[in-house]
Structures are given as C-alpha cells and as structure tokens.
C-alpha cells in the first residue's frame, strides 16, 4: 500500500478533489440561493459595500470572503465588483 492511499483504495488526492468539488458546489448553490446572479444580471458594476448591504446582506468580512470565492471560481469577475475608497 502506498502512503497516499487509504484503506478503501482511494488516494488522498481523489478524496481531496471530492472535498474541493463539494466546496465549489456549496459556493455556487449559496450564490444561487442568495440570488447573486439575478441581482447582478443587469451587468452593472457594484461596489463591495453595495454587494454587502444590498445583495448579500451580510457583514463585511464574510462578504469579502464570499466574493473572493466567487471570483476565484470564475463565477464573478472583478469588473462586476469594485472596492470603493
């Protein structure tokens, strides 16, 4: 048995990929549930503050984490969300 295999015969890499797939689908389903894509469908630019207060209705840090996750998954682009100064 190799060091990267578990008793079930699945490699750690395969299990890791399953976990990543779960996290990705959870992020997508949360965005759908919060109607993020519907609210942004006009292709308008929104500030991070507008995203926080009008679209996601959550605190600042969770908003930043969630928007970062959406951007890193390619579900949003930085052209949709900008940080107001």
C-alpha atoms as a PDB file:
ATOM      1  CA  UNK A   1       0.000   0.000   0.000  1.00  0.00           C
ATOM      2  CA  UNK A   2       1.393   3.393  -0.981  1.00  0.00           C
ATOM      3  CA  UNK A   3       1.488   6.232   1.516  1.00  0.00           C
ATOM      4  CA  UNK A   4      -1.069   8.230  -0.497  1.00  0.00           C
ATOM      5  CA  UNK A   5      -3.707   5.503  -0.393  1.00  0.00           C
ATOM      6  CA  UNK A   6      -6.328   4.909   2.239  1.00  0.00           C
ATOM      7  CA  UNK A   7      -7.793   1.526   3.217  1.00  0.00           C
ATOM      8  CA  UNK A   8     -10.714   1.997   0.822  1.00  0.00           C
ATOM      9  CA  UNK A   9      -8.268   2.131  -2.088  1.00  0.00           C
ATOM     10  CA  UNK A  10      -8.999   5.811  -2.757  1.00  0.00           C
ATOM     11  CA  UNK A  11      -5.983   8.067  -2.931  1.00  0.00           C
ATOM     12  CA  UNK A  12      -5.769  11.117  -0.742  1.00  0.00           C
ATOM     13  CA  UNK A  13      -5.726  13.191  -3.923  1.00  0.00           C
ATOM     14  CA  UNK A  14      -9.081  11.756  -5.018  1.00  0.00           C
ATOM     15  CA  UNK A  15     -10.595  12.476  -1.608  1.00  0.00           C
ATOM     16  CA  UNK A  16      -9.151  15.996  -1.673  1.00  0.00           C
ATOM     17  CA  UNK A  17     -10.666  16.561  -5.135  1.00  0.00           C
ATOM     18  CA  UNK A  18     -14.066  15.419  -3.834  1.00  0.00           C
ATOM     19  CA  UNK A  19     -13.821  17.878  -0.945  1.00  0.00           C
ATOM     20  CA  UNK A  20     -12.908  20.713  -3.314  1.00  0.00           C
ATOM     21  CA  UNK A  21     -15.836  19.778  -5.547  1.00  0.00           C
ATOM     22  CA  UNK A  22     -18.148  19.929  -2.545  1.00  0.00           C
ATOM     23  CA  UNK A  23     -16.832  23.362  -1.525  1.00  0.00           C
ATOM     24  CA  UNK A  24     -17.197  24.641  -5.088  1.00  0.00           C
ATOM     25  CA  UNK A  25     -20.764  23.395  -5.430  1.00  0.00           C
ATOM     26  CA  UNK A  26     -21.641  24.766  -1.979  1.00  0.00           C
ATOM     27  CA  UNK A  27     -20.339  28.202  -3.015  1.00  0.00           C
ATOM     28  CA  UNK A  28     -22.326  28.089  -6.252  1.00  0.00           C
ATOM     29  CA  UNK A  29     -25.531  26.937  -4.558  1.00  0.00           C
ATOM     30  CA  UNK A  30     -25.192  29.633  -1.889  1.00  0.00           C
ATOM     31  CA  UNK A  31     -24.830  32.287  -4.600  1.00  0.00           C
ATOM     32  CA  UNK A  32     -27.911  30.909  -6.361  1.00  0.00           C
ATOM     33  CA  UNK A  33     -29.884  30.806  -3.098  1.00  0.00           C
ATOM     34  CA  UNK A  34     -28.920  34.420  -2.357  1.00  0.00           C
ATOM     35  CA  UNK A  35     -29.889  35.348  -5.951  1.00  0.00           C
ATOM     36  CA  UNK A  36     -26.491  36.949  -6.547  1.00  0.00           C
ATOM     37  CA  UNK A  37     -26.568  36.330 -10.292  1.00  0.00           C
ATOM     38  CA  UNK A  38     -30.155  37.576 -10.649  1.00  0.00           C
ATOM     39  CA  UNK A  39     -29.335  40.754  -8.748  1.00  0.00           C
ATOM     40  CA  UNK A  40     -26.250  41.327 -10.911  1.00  0.00           C
ATOM     41  CA  UNK A  41     -27.948  40.367 -14.185  1.00  0.00           C
ATOM     42  CA  UNK A  42     -28.045  43.946 -15.448  1.00  0.00           C
ATOM     43  CA  UNK A  43     -24.283  43.672 -15.881  1.00  0.00           C
ATOM     44  CA  UNK A  44     -23.852  46.741 -13.709  1.00  0.00           C
ATOM     45  CA  UNK A  45     -20.842  47.467 -11.573  1.00  0.00           C
ATOM     46  CA  UNK A  46     -21.372  47.343  -7.826  1.00  0.00           C
ATOM     47  CA  UNK A  47     -19.080  48.335  -5.021  1.00  0.00           C
ATOM     48  CA  UNK A  48     -18.085  45.845  -2.379  1.00  0.00           C
ATOM     49  CA  UNK A  49     -20.215  47.863   0.048  1.00  0.00           C
ATOM     50  CA  UNK A  50     -23.255  47.610  -2.257  1.00  0.00           C
ATOM     51  CA  UNK A  51     -22.627  43.885  -2.580  1.00  0.00           C
ATOM     52  CA  UNK A  52     -22.515  43.605   1.190  1.00  0.00           C
ATOM     53  CA  UNK A  53     -25.544  45.741   2.040  1.00  0.00           C
ATOM     54  CA  UNK A  54     -27.872  45.308  -0.952  1.00  0.00           C
ATOM     55  CA  UNK A  55     -27.112  41.924  -2.499  1.00  0.00           C
ATOM     56  CA  UNK A  56     -25.663  39.624   0.146  1.00  0.00           C
ATOM     57  CA  UNK A  57     -26.912  41.388   3.285  1.00  0.00           C
ATOM     58  CA  UNK A  58     -24.050  40.145   5.442  1.00  0.00           C
ATOM     59  CA  UNK A  59     -21.197  41.568   7.458  1.00  0.00           C
ATOM     60  CA  UNK A  60     -18.069  42.938   5.771  1.00  0.00           C
ATOM     61  CA  UNK A  61     -15.627  40.075   6.369  1.00  0.00           C
ATOM     62  CA  UNK A  62     -17.965  37.258   5.223  1.00  0.00           C
ATOM     63  CA  UNK A  63     -18.809  39.375   2.167  1.00  0.00           C
ATOM     64  CA  UNK A  64     -15.142  39.746   1.264  1.00  0.00           C
ATOM     65  CA  UNK A  65     -14.533  36.004   1.723  1.00  0.00           C
ATOM     66  CA  UNK A  66     -17.613  35.038  -0.308  1.00  0.00           C
ATOM     67  CA  UNK A  67     -16.908  37.476  -3.153  1.00  0.00           C
ATOM     68  CA  UNK A  68     -13.295  36.290  -3.248  1.00  0.00           C
ATOM     69  CA  UNK A  69     -14.526  32.695  -3.518  1.00  0.00           C
ATOM     70  CA  UNK A  70     -16.915  33.602  -6.359  1.00  0.00           C
ATOM     71  CA  UNK A  71     -14.159  35.436  -8.235  1.00  0.00           C
ATOM     72  CA  UNK A  72     -11.636  32.634  -7.717  1.00  0.00           C
ATOM     73  CA  UNK A  73     -14.150  30.123  -9.101  1.00  0.00           C
ATOM     74  CA  UNK A  74     -14.725  32.345 -12.137  1.00  0.00           C
ATOM     75  CA  UNK A  75     -18.394  32.930 -11.239  1.00  0.00           C
ATOM     76  CA  UNK A  76     -17.845  36.686 -10.888  1.00  0.00           C
ATOM     77  CA  UNK A  77     -15.194  38.938 -12.295  1.00  0.00           C
ATOM     78  CA  UNK A  78     -13.553  41.865 -10.634  1.00  0.00           C
ATOM     79  CA  UNK A  79     -15.248  44.052 -13.243  1.00  0.00           C
ATOM     80  CA  UNK A  80     -18.571  43.211 -11.533  1.00  0.00           C
ATOM     81  CA  UNK A  81     -17.368  44.222  -8.084  1.00  0.00           C
ATOM     82  CA  UNK A  82     -15.040  47.044  -7.231  1.00  0.00           C
ATOM     83  CA  UNK A  83     -13.831  48.255  -3.856  1.00  0.00           C
ATOM     84  CA  UNK A  84     -14.979  51.765  -3.117  1.00  0.00           C
ATOM     85  CA  UNK A  85     -12.443  54.027  -1.491  1.00  0.00           C
END
